[in-house]
């Protein structure tokens, strides 16, 4: 049983053994030359570390030293990993993001599948089944005049995501979480 916590802070990913919750111990870690990482997601034997300097893909497989095996450049704001597909929110310019989908079955060479241009910033990103849901805030000079949407994309063909709808939301800081029932 893999009972490890993955903690990212500034320029380091710490891997902490939490099998004994009364006595956690640092098991391994990786330092990055940049100092701007703030998000981590683990999928299988790989940790995906996201920040202003891009994404670093770290092999964290048991019984070996953690090591960076791949990278994607760009100002990464959010990420999810589902079924060997990495979903990244990348800042194109201040106030405007895009979503990039990468095949990471071979994490040493992430392969770009598609890019979704947004009308503004992606506030939240959730992948459920074959659907990508995100809260999108359009950019204006006045932050109270823009619009917010719950946007849903069909991922049946990850190389060509199709927008299904943009449901209007009140213009506030909105966050999204989804649970499957049943």
N, C-alpha and C. Protein backbone atom coordinates (compact mmCIF):
# COMPACT_ATOMS: atom_id res chain seq x y z
N UNK A 1 0.86 -1.19 0.00
CA UNK A 1 0.00 0.00 0.00
C UNK A 1 0.89 1.24 0.00
N UNK A 2 0.68 2.14 -0.96
CA UNK A 2 1.43 3.38 -1.05
C UNK A 2 0.78 4.42 -0.15
N UNK A 3 1.40 4.67 0.98
CA UNK A 3 0.88 5.67 1.90
C UNK A 3 1.90 6.80 1.99
N UNK A 4 1.87 7.64 0.96
CA UNK A 4 2.81 8.75 0.89
C UNK A 4 2.06 10.03 0.63
N UNK A 5 2.55 11.10 1.21
CA UNK A 5 2.05 12.44 0.93
C UNK A 5 3.05 13.13 0.02
N UNK A 6 2.55 13.88 -0.93
CA UNK A 6 3.38 14.62 -1.87
C UNK A 6 3.12 16.10 -1.62
N UNK A 7 4.15 16.80 -1.18
CA UNK A 7 4.01 18.19 -0.79
C UNK A 7 4.94 19.03 -1.64
N UNK A 8 4.37 20.03 -2.31
CA UNK A 8 5.19 20.92 -3.12
C UNK A 8 5.20 22.30 -2.46
N UNK A 9 6.38 22.88 -2.41
CA UNK A 9 6.54 24.22 -1.85
C UNK A 9 7.76 24.87 -2.49
N UNK A 10 7.54 26.08 -2.98
CA UNK A 10 8.60 26.85 -3.63
C UNK A 10 9.30 26.03 -4.70
N UNK A 11 10.49 25.53 -4.42
CA UNK A 11 11.25 24.81 -5.45
C UNK A 11 11.49 23.35 -5.08
N UNK A 12 10.61 22.76 -4.28
CA UNK A 12 10.86 21.39 -3.85
C UNK A 12 9.57 20.58 -3.78
N UNK A 13 9.68 19.31 -4.19
CA UNK A 13 8.64 18.32 -3.98
C UNK A 13 9.15 17.37 -2.91
N UNK A 14 8.45 17.32 -1.77
CA UNK A 14 8.79 16.39 -0.70
C UNK A 14 7.86 15.18 -0.79
N UNK A 15 8.43 14.01 -0.59
CA UNK A 15 7.65 12.77 -0.54
C UNK A 15 7.78 12.25 0.89
N UNK A 16 6.64 12.16 1.58
CA UNK A 16 6.63 11.85 3.00
C UNK A 16 5.87 10.54 3.23
N UNK A 17 6.52 9.61 3.91
CA UNK A 17 5.90 8.34 4.28
C UNK A 17 4.94 8.60 5.44
N UNK A 18 3.65 8.35 5.22
CA UNK A 18 2.65 8.57 6.26
C UNK A 18 1.98 7.26 6.68
N UNK A 19 2.68 6.13 6.44
CA UNK A 19 2.10 4.83 6.81
C UNK A 19 1.89 4.74 8.33
N UNK A 20 2.75 5.41 9.10
CA UNK A 20 2.53 5.55 10.54
C UNK A 20 2.16 7.01 10.77
N UNK A 21 0.85 7.31 10.92
CA UNK A 21 0.43 8.71 11.01
C UNK A 21 0.98 9.44 12.24
N UNK A 22 1.49 8.69 13.23
CA UNK A 22 2.08 9.31 14.42
C UNK A 22 3.55 9.65 14.21
N UNK A 23 4.13 9.12 13.14
CA UNK A 23 5.55 9.32 12.91
C UNK A 23 5.85 9.45 11.41
N UNK A 24 5.35 10.51 10.74
CA UNK A 24 5.67 10.67 9.32
C UNK A 24 7.17 10.94 9.14
N UNK A 25 7.69 10.40 8.05
CA UNK A 25 9.12 10.60 7.78
C UNK A 25 9.31 10.98 6.32
N UNK A 26 10.24 11.91 6.09
CA UNK A 26 10.55 12.29 4.71
C UNK A 26 11.28 11.14 4.05
N UNK A 27 10.71 10.71 2.92
CA UNK A 27 11.24 9.55 2.21
C UNK A 27 12.17 9.96 1.08
N UNK A 28 11.78 11.01 0.38
CA UNK A 28 12.53 11.42 -0.80
C UNK A 28 12.10 12.84 -1.15
N UNK A 29 12.70 13.38 -2.17
CA UNK A 29 12.33 14.71 -2.63
C UNK A 29 13.10 15.09 -3.88
N UNK A 30 12.62 16.14 -4.51
CA UNK A 30 13.27 16.66 -5.71
C UNK A 30 13.28 18.17 -5.61
N UNK A 31 14.43 18.75 -5.88
CA UNK A 31 14.54 20.22 -5.96
C UNK A 31 14.51 20.63 -7.42
N UNK A 32 13.87 21.77 -7.67
CA UNK A 32 13.79 22.33 -9.01
C UNK A 32 14.62 23.61 -9.06
N UNK A 33 15.20 23.95 -10.21
CA UNK A 33 15.98 25.18 -10.28
C UNK A 33 15.12 26.44 -10.15
N UNK A 34 13.84 26.33 -10.48
CA UNK A 34 12.94 27.47 -10.38
C UNK A 34 12.26 27.45 -9.00
N UNK A 35 11.68 28.57 -8.60
CA UNK A 35 11.10 28.69 -7.25
C UNK A 35 9.62 28.98 -7.28
N UNK A 36 8.88 28.46 -8.23
CA UNK A 36 7.51 28.94 -8.38
C UNK A 36 6.46 27.83 -8.47
N UNK A 37 6.67 26.71 -7.85
CA UNK A 37 5.72 25.61 -7.96
C UNK A 37 4.77 25.59 -6.78
N UNK A 38 3.47 25.35 -7.06
CA UNK A 38 2.49 25.43 -5.98
C UNK A 38 1.38 24.39 -6.06
N UNK A 39 1.40 23.51 -7.05
CA UNK A 39 0.34 22.50 -7.19
C UNK A 39 0.97 21.17 -7.58
N UNK A 40 0.44 20.09 -7.02
CA UNK A 40 0.92 18.76 -7.40
C UNK A 40 -0.27 17.82 -7.52
N UNK A 41 -0.22 16.94 -8.52
CA UNK A 41 -1.18 15.85 -8.69
C UNK A 41 -0.36 14.60 -8.95
N UNK A 42 -0.77 13.50 -8.34
CA UNK A 42 -0.07 12.23 -8.52
C UNK A 42 -0.98 11.28 -9.26
N UNK A 43 -0.43 10.62 -10.26
CA UNK A 43 -1.16 9.63 -11.04
C UNK A 43 -0.21 8.46 -11.28
N UNK A 44 -0.51 7.32 -10.66
CA UNK A 44 0.37 6.16 -10.80
C UNK A 44 1.74 6.44 -10.21
N UNK A 45 2.77 6.22 -11.00
CA UNK A 45 4.16 6.42 -10.55
C UNK A 45 4.70 7.81 -10.86
N UNK A 46 3.81 8.76 -11.19
CA UNK A 46 4.30 10.09 -11.57
C UNK A 46 3.58 11.20 -10.83
N UNK A 47 4.37 12.19 -10.43
CA UNK A 47 3.83 13.41 -9.84
C UNK A 47 3.96 14.51 -10.89
N UNK A 48 2.90 15.28 -11.04
CA UNK A 48 2.87 16.40 -11.99
C UNK A 48 2.87 17.67 -11.16
N UNK A 49 3.94 18.44 -11.25
CA UNK A 49 4.14 19.62 -10.42
C UNK A 49 3.98 20.86 -11.29
N UNK A 50 3.09 21.76 -10.87
CA UNK A 50 2.66 22.88 -11.71
C UNK A 50 3.02 24.20 -11.04
N UNK A 51 3.43 25.18 -11.86
CA UNK A 51 3.70 26.52 -11.37
C UNK A 51 3.98 27.48 -12.51
N UNK A 52 4.41 28.68 -12.16
CA UNK A 52 4.63 29.73 -13.16
C UNK A 52 5.69 29.37 -14.19
N UNK A 53 6.58 28.43 -13.84
CA UNK A 53 7.63 28.03 -14.77
C UNK A 53 7.29 26.77 -15.56
N UNK A 54 6.03 26.33 -15.48
CA UNK A 54 5.61 25.18 -16.27
C UNK A 54 5.26 23.98 -15.41
N UNK A 55 5.36 22.81 -16.01
CA UNK A 55 5.06 21.55 -15.35
C UNK A 55 6.32 20.69 -15.37
N UNK A 56 6.61 20.10 -14.24
CA UNK A 56 7.70 19.12 -14.15
C UNK A 56 7.04 17.78 -13.84
N UNK A 57 7.44 16.76 -14.58
CA UNK A 57 6.90 15.42 -14.39
C UNK A 57 7.97 14.61 -13.67
N UNK A 58 7.61 14.09 -12.48
CA UNK A 58 8.57 13.42 -11.61
C UNK A 58 8.19 11.96 -11.45
N UNK A 59 9.13 11.06 -11.73
CA UNK A 59 8.92 9.64 -11.47
C UNK A 59 9.07 9.43 -9.97
N UNK A 60 7.98 9.02 -9.33
CA UNK A 60 7.97 8.81 -7.88
C UNK A 60 7.69 7.35 -7.54
N UNK A 61 7.98 6.47 -8.49
CA UNK A 61 7.72 5.05 -8.27
C UNK A 61 8.41 4.53 -7.03
N UNK A 62 7.77 3.60 -6.36
CA UNK A 62 8.33 3.02 -5.15
C UNK A 62 9.67 2.36 -5.45
N UNK A 63 10.53 2.31 -4.45
CA UNK A 63 11.82 1.64 -4.52
C UNK A 63 12.81 2.27 -5.49
N UNK A 64 12.63 3.55 -5.78
CA UNK A 64 13.64 4.25 -6.58
C UNK A 64 13.62 5.71 -6.20
N UNK A 65 14.72 6.38 -6.51
CA UNK A 65 14.81 7.80 -6.20
C UNK A 65 13.91 8.60 -7.13
N UNK A 66 13.25 9.61 -6.56
CA UNK A 66 12.41 10.50 -7.38
C UNK A 66 13.31 11.29 -8.31
N UNK A 67 12.88 11.40 -9.57
CA UNK A 67 13.68 12.11 -10.56
C UNK A 67 12.75 12.75 -11.59
N UNK A 68 13.11 13.94 -12.04
CA UNK A 68 12.34 14.62 -13.08
C UNK A 68 12.59 13.89 -14.39
N UNK A 69 11.50 13.50 -15.06
CA UNK A 69 11.63 12.76 -16.32
C UNK A 69 11.05 13.52 -17.51
N UNK A 70 10.27 14.57 -17.25
CA UNK A 70 9.67 15.32 -18.35
C UNK A 70 9.29 16.72 -17.91
N UNK A 71 9.01 17.57 -18.89
CA UNK A 71 8.65 18.96 -18.59
C UNK A 71 7.77 19.52 -19.70
N UNK A 72 6.94 20.48 -19.32
CA UNK A 72 6.12 21.24 -20.27
C UNK A 72 6.27 22.70 -19.87
N UNK A 73 6.64 23.55 -20.80
CA UNK A 73 6.85 24.96 -20.51
C UNK A 73 5.54 25.73 -20.59
N UNK A 74 5.50 26.87 -19.91
CA UNK A 74 4.32 27.74 -19.90
C UNK A 74 3.88 28.01 -18.48
N UNK A 75 3.22 29.13 -18.27
CA UNK A 75 2.76 29.52 -16.94
C UNK A 75 1.54 28.69 -16.56
N UNK A 76 1.78 27.61 -15.83
CA UNK A 76 0.72 26.67 -15.44
C UNK A 76 -0.01 27.19 -14.22
N UNK A 77 -1.34 27.22 -14.30
CA UNK A 77 -2.16 27.69 -13.18
C UNK A 77 -2.90 26.55 -12.47
N UNK A 78 -3.37 25.58 -13.24
CA UNK A 78 -4.12 24.45 -12.68
C UNK A 78 -3.85 23.21 -13.52
N UNK A 79 -4.05 22.04 -12.92
CA UNK A 79 -3.89 20.81 -13.68
C UNK A 79 -4.71 19.69 -13.08
N UNK A 80 -5.05 18.75 -13.93
CA UNK A 80 -5.69 17.49 -13.56
C UNK A 80 -5.07 16.41 -14.44
N UNK A 81 -5.04 15.19 -13.93
CA UNK A 81 -4.55 14.04 -14.70
C UNK A 81 -5.59 12.95 -14.60
N UNK A 82 -6.07 12.50 -15.76
CA UNK A 82 -7.09 11.45 -15.80
C UNK A 82 -6.77 10.53 -16.97
N UNK A 83 -6.62 9.24 -16.68
CA UNK A 83 -6.41 8.23 -17.73
C UNK A 83 -5.30 8.60 -18.70
N UNK A 84 -4.14 8.97 -18.16
CA UNK A 84 -2.96 9.33 -18.96
C UNK A 84 -3.16 10.58 -19.82
N UNK A 85 -4.16 11.40 -19.48
CA UNK A 85 -4.31 12.70 -20.14
C UNK A 85 -4.12 13.78 -19.09
N UNK A 86 -3.19 14.69 -19.38
CA UNK A 86 -2.91 15.82 -18.50
C UNK A 86 -3.65 17.03 -19.03
N UNK A 87 -4.47 17.63 -18.17
CA UNK A 87 -5.24 18.82 -18.50
C UNK A 87 -4.58 20.00 -17.81
N UNK A 88 -4.08 20.96 -18.58
CA UNK A 88 -3.38 22.11 -18.03
C UNK A 88 -4.12 23.39 -18.32
N UNK A 89 -4.22 24.26 -17.32
CA UNK A 89 -4.65 25.64 -17.54
C UNK A 89 -3.38 26.46 -17.62
N UNK A 90 -3.14 27.07 -18.77
CA UNK A 90 -1.94 27.87 -18.98
C UNK A 90 -2.33 29.32 -19.26
N UNK A 91 -1.58 30.23 -18.65
CA UNK A 91 -1.82 31.65 -18.90
C UNK A 91 -1.16 32.04 -20.22
N UNK A 92 -1.96 32.58 -21.15
CA UNK A 92 -1.45 33.04 -22.44
C UNK A 92 -0.95 34.47 -22.28
N UNK A 93 -1.82 35.33 -21.77
CA UNK A 93 -1.50 36.70 -21.40
C UNK A 93 -2.29 36.99 -20.13
N UNK A 94 -1.94 38.02 -19.37
CA UNK A 94 -2.71 38.29 -18.16
C UNK A 94 -4.21 38.41 -18.45
N UNK A 95 -5.00 37.59 -17.77
CA UNK A 95 -6.45 37.61 -17.95
C UNK A 95 -6.97 36.66 -19.00
N UNK A 96 -6.07 35.97 -19.73
CA UNK A 96 -6.51 35.06 -20.78
C UNK A 96 -5.75 33.74 -20.67
N UNK A 97 -6.51 32.66 -20.56
CA UNK A 97 -5.94 31.33 -20.40
C UNK A 97 -6.32 30.45 -21.59
N UNK A 98 -5.66 29.31 -21.63
CA UNK A 98 -6.04 28.24 -22.55
C UNK A 98 -5.88 26.93 -21.80
N UNK A 99 -6.61 25.93 -22.27
CA UNK A 99 -6.50 24.59 -21.72
C UNK A 99 -5.76 23.75 -22.75
N UNK A 100 -4.72 23.06 -22.32
CA UNK A 100 -4.00 22.16 -23.20
C UNK A 100 -4.14 20.74 -22.66
N UNK A 101 -4.39 19.81 -23.56
CA UNK A 101 -4.48 18.40 -23.22
C UNK A 101 -3.25 17.70 -23.77
N UNK A 102 -2.58 16.94 -22.89
CA UNK A 102 -1.39 16.20 -23.27
C UNK A 102 -1.58 14.73 -22.97
N UNK A 103 -1.13 13.88 -23.89
CA UNK A 103 -1.04 12.45 -23.65
C UNK A 103 0.25 12.24 -22.86
N UNK A 104 0.14 11.69 -21.63
CA UNK A 104 1.33 11.47 -20.80
C UNK A 104 1.53 9.97 -20.51
N UNK A 105 1.05 9.12 -21.42
CA UNK A 105 1.30 7.69 -21.28
C UNK A 105 2.80 7.42 -21.27
N UNK A 106 3.54 8.20 -22.04
CA UNK A 106 5.01 8.19 -22.00
C UNK A 106 5.42 9.55 -21.42
N UNK A 107 5.52 9.66 -20.09
CA UNK A 107 5.71 10.97 -19.46
C UNK A 107 7.02 11.67 -19.82
N UNK A 108 7.97 10.92 -20.33
CA UNK A 108 9.23 11.55 -20.75
C UNK A 108 9.04 12.43 -21.97
N UNK A 109 8.02 12.14 -22.77
CA UNK A 109 7.74 12.90 -23.98
C UNK A 109 6.24 13.20 -24.07
N UNK A 110 5.75 14.14 -23.25
CA UNK A 110 4.32 14.47 -23.31
C UNK A 110 3.94 14.91 -24.73
N UNK A 111 2.81 14.38 -25.21
CA UNK A 111 2.38 14.69 -26.58
C UNK A 111 1.13 15.56 -26.52
N UNK A 112 1.21 16.75 -27.13
CA UNK A 112 0.07 17.66 -27.17
C UNK A 112 -1.05 17.04 -27.99
N UNK A 113 -2.25 16.95 -27.40
CA UNK A 113 -3.41 16.44 -28.10
C UNK A 113 -4.25 17.57 -28.67
N UNK A 114 -4.49 18.61 -27.85
CA UNK A 114 -5.35 19.71 -28.32
C UNK A 114 -5.20 20.92 -27.41
N UNK A 115 -5.69 22.05 -27.92
CA UNK A 115 -5.69 23.31 -27.18
C UNK A 115 -7.09 23.90 -27.26
N UNK A 116 -7.59 24.36 -26.11
CA UNK A 116 -8.89 25.01 -26.04
C UNK A 116 -8.64 26.47 -25.68
N UNK A 117 -8.93 27.38 -26.60
CA UNK A 117 -8.79 28.81 -26.33
C UNK A 117 -10.00 29.26 -25.50
N UNK A 118 -9.75 30.05 -24.48
CA UNK A 118 -10.82 30.54 -23.63
C UNK A 118 -11.06 32.02 -23.87
N UNK A 119 -12.21 32.50 -23.42
CA UNK A 119 -12.58 33.91 -23.55
C UNK A 119 -12.00 34.76 -22.43
N UNK A 120 -11.41 34.13 -21.45
CA UNK A 120 -10.86 34.82 -20.29
C UNK A 120 -10.04 33.85 -19.47
N UNK A 121 -10.24 33.88 -18.15
CA UNK A 121 -9.50 33.02 -17.24
C UNK A 121 -10.32 31.80 -16.84
N UNK A 122 -9.62 30.70 -16.66
CA UNK A 122 -10.26 29.50 -16.12
C UNK A 122 -10.08 29.53 -14.60
N UNK A 123 -11.19 29.58 -13.89
CA UNK A 123 -11.14 29.67 -12.44
C UNK A 123 -10.99 28.30 -11.80
N UNK A 124 -11.62 27.30 -12.38
CA UNK A 124 -11.63 25.95 -11.83
C UNK A 124 -11.72 24.95 -12.97
N UNK A 125 -11.14 23.79 -12.77
CA UNK A 125 -11.09 22.76 -13.80
C UNK A 125 -11.46 21.43 -13.18
N UNK A 126 -12.47 20.74 -13.73
CA UNK A 126 -12.88 19.41 -13.26
C UNK A 126 -13.09 18.50 -14.47
N UNK A 127 -12.56 17.30 -14.38
CA UNK A 127 -12.77 16.29 -15.43
C UNK A 127 -13.56 15.16 -14.81
N UNK A 128 -14.71 14.86 -15.42
CA UNK A 128 -15.57 13.77 -14.96
C UNK A 128 -15.99 12.96 -16.17
N UNK A 129 -15.56 11.70 -16.18
CA UNK A 129 -15.90 10.86 -17.33
C UNK A 129 -15.33 11.45 -18.61
N UNK A 130 -16.20 11.63 -19.59
CA UNK A 130 -15.74 12.17 -20.88
C UNK A 130 -15.94 13.67 -20.99
N UNK A 131 -16.21 14.35 -19.85
CA UNK A 131 -16.50 15.78 -19.88
C UNK A 131 -15.48 16.59 -19.08
N UNK A 132 -15.12 17.71 -19.64
CA UNK A 132 -14.30 18.72 -18.96
C UNK A 132 -15.23 19.86 -18.60
N UNK A 133 -15.27 20.21 -17.31
CA UNK A 133 -16.08 21.32 -16.84
C UNK A 133 -15.13 22.37 -16.29
N UNK A 134 -15.41 23.62 -16.57
CA UNK A 134 -14.59 24.68 -16.00
C UNK A 134 -15.42 25.94 -15.81
N UNK A 135 -15.00 26.74 -14.86
CA UNK A 135 -15.59 28.06 -14.68
C UNK A 135 -14.69 29.04 -15.39
N UNK A 136 -15.28 29.78 -16.32
CA UNK A 136 -14.54 30.70 -17.18
C UNK A 136 -15.01 32.12 -16.90
N UNK A 137 -14.07 33.01 -16.61
CA UNK A 137 -14.38 34.42 -16.37
C UNK A 137 -13.85 35.25 -17.53
N UNK A 138 -14.74 35.98 -18.21
CA UNK A 138 -14.28 36.83 -19.30
C UNK A 138 -13.59 38.05 -18.73
N UNK A 139 -12.65 38.58 -19.47
CA UNK A 139 -11.81 39.69 -19.01
C UNK A 139 -12.35 41.01 -19.54
N UNK A 140 -12.48 41.99 -18.64
CA UNK A 140 -12.78 43.36 -19.01
C UNK A 140 -11.91 44.26 -18.15
N UNK A 141 -11.88 45.56 -18.48
CA UNK A 141 -11.11 46.49 -17.66
C UNK A 141 -11.71 46.63 -16.27
N UNK A 142 -13.02 46.46 -16.17
CA UNK A 142 -13.71 46.53 -14.88
C UNK A 142 -14.04 45.11 -14.44
N UNK A 143 -13.45 44.61 -13.33
CA UNK A 143 -13.67 43.22 -12.94
C UNK A 143 -15.12 42.88 -12.62
N UNK A 144 -15.97 43.90 -12.40
CA UNK A 144 -17.36 43.63 -12.08
C UNK A 144 -18.25 43.59 -13.32
N UNK A 145 -17.69 43.89 -14.49
CA UNK A 145 -18.50 43.92 -15.71
C UNK A 145 -18.30 42.68 -16.59
N UNK A 146 -17.30 41.87 -16.31
CA UNK A 146 -17.09 40.66 -17.10
C UNK A 146 -18.20 39.66 -16.84
N UNK A 147 -18.13 38.55 -17.53
CA UNK A 147 -19.14 37.50 -17.37
C UNK A 147 -18.46 36.21 -16.94
N UNK A 148 -19.20 35.37 -16.24
CA UNK A 148 -18.70 34.06 -15.82
C UNK A 148 -19.61 32.98 -16.40
N UNK A 149 -18.99 31.85 -16.74
CA UNK A 149 -19.73 30.74 -17.34
C UNK A 149 -19.24 29.43 -16.75
N UNK A 150 -20.16 28.46 -16.65
CA UNK A 150 -19.79 27.08 -16.45
C UNK A 150 -19.73 26.49 -17.85
N UNK A 151 -18.53 26.21 -18.31
CA UNK A 151 -18.34 25.69 -19.67
C UNK A 151 -18.12 24.18 -19.59
N UNK A 152 -18.75 23.45 -20.50
CA UNK A 152 -18.60 22.00 -20.56
C UNK A 152 -18.16 21.60 -21.96
N UNK A 153 -17.11 20.76 -21.99
CA UNK A 153 -16.56 20.27 -23.26
C UNK A 153 -16.66 18.76 -23.28
N UNK A 154 -17.01 18.22 -24.44
CA UNK A 154 -17.07 16.77 -24.64
C UNK A 154 -15.68 16.31 -25.08
N UNK A 155 -15.13 15.32 -24.38
CA UNK A 155 -13.77 14.83 -24.65
C UNK A 155 -13.76 13.47 -25.33
N UNK A 156 -14.88 13.08 -25.95
CA UNK A 156 -14.92 11.76 -26.58
C UNK A 156 -13.77 11.60 -27.58
N UNK A 157 -13.37 12.70 -28.22
CA UNK A 157 -12.19 12.74 -29.08
C UNK A 157 -11.25 13.79 -28.48
N UNK A 158 -10.29 13.39 -27.63
CA UNK A 158 -9.45 14.36 -26.93
C UNK A 158 -8.67 15.29 -27.86
N UNK A 159 -8.44 14.84 -29.10
CA UNK A 159 -7.73 15.68 -30.07
C UNK A 159 -8.61 16.81 -30.59
N UNK A 160 -9.91 16.74 -30.32
CA UNK A 160 -10.85 17.74 -30.82
C UNK A 160 -12.02 17.93 -29.84
N UNK A 161 -11.74 18.52 -28.66
CA UNK A 161 -12.83 18.71 -27.69
C UNK A 161 -13.92 19.61 -28.26
N UNK A 162 -15.16 19.25 -27.99
CA UNK A 162 -16.30 20.03 -28.50
C UNK A 162 -16.98 20.74 -27.35
N UNK A 163 -17.19 22.06 -27.49
CA UNK A 163 -17.91 22.81 -26.46
C UNK A 163 -19.39 22.42 -26.53
N UNK A 164 -19.95 22.03 -25.40
CA UNK A 164 -21.36 21.65 -25.36
C UNK A 164 -22.22 22.84 -24.97
N UNK A 165 -21.75 23.62 -24.00
CA UNK A 165 -22.50 24.81 -23.60
C UNK A 165 -21.63 25.69 -22.70
N UNK A 166 -22.07 26.93 -22.58
CA UNK A 166 -21.52 27.87 -21.60
C UNK A 166 -22.72 28.42 -20.83
N UNK A 167 -22.88 27.95 -19.60
CA UNK A 167 -24.01 28.33 -18.76
C UNK A 167 -23.64 29.58 -17.97
N UNK A 168 -24.42 30.68 -18.11
CA UNK A 168 -24.06 31.92 -17.43
C UNK A 168 -24.17 31.79 -15.90
N UNK A 169 -23.18 32.38 -15.21
CA UNK A 169 -23.12 32.38 -13.75
C UNK A 169 -23.00 33.81 -13.24
N UNK A 170 -23.30 34.04 -11.96
CA UNK A 170 -23.09 35.39 -11.41
C UNK A 170 -21.60 35.72 -11.42
N UNK A 171 -21.27 36.99 -11.58
CA UNK A 171 -19.87 37.41 -11.64
C UNK A 171 -19.31 37.55 -10.23
N UNK A 172 -18.75 36.48 -9.72
CA UNK A 172 -18.08 36.47 -8.43
C UNK A 172 -16.94 35.47 -8.53
N UNK A 173 -16.17 35.34 -7.49
CA UNK A 173 -15.17 34.29 -7.45
C UNK A 173 -15.91 32.97 -7.28
N UNK A 174 -15.86 32.11 -8.28
CA UNK A 174 -16.61 30.87 -8.28
C UNK A 174 -15.64 29.70 -8.34
N UNK A 175 -15.91 28.70 -7.53
CA UNK A 175 -15.10 27.49 -7.55
C UNK A 175 -16.04 26.32 -7.76
N UNK A 176 -15.53 25.26 -8.34
CA UNK A 176 -16.34 24.14 -8.77
C UNK A 176 -15.79 22.85 -8.18
N UNK A 177 -16.68 22.03 -7.67
CA UNK A 177 -16.33 20.69 -7.27
C UNK A 177 -17.49 19.81 -7.69
N UNK A 178 -17.21 18.62 -8.15
CA UNK A 178 -18.25 17.73 -8.63
C UNK A 178 -18.06 16.36 -8.02
N UNK A 179 -19.14 15.72 -7.69
CA UNK A 179 -19.13 14.37 -7.14
C UNK A 179 -20.06 13.50 -7.99
N UNK A 180 -19.62 12.28 -8.21
CA UNK A 180 -20.48 11.33 -8.92
C UNK A 180 -21.35 10.62 -7.89
N UNK A 181 -22.61 10.57 -8.14
CA UNK A 181 -23.55 9.89 -7.24
C UNK A 181 -23.90 8.53 -7.84
N UNK A 182 -24.16 7.57 -6.95
CA UNK A 182 -24.67 6.29 -7.43
C UNK A 182 -23.73 5.21 -7.40
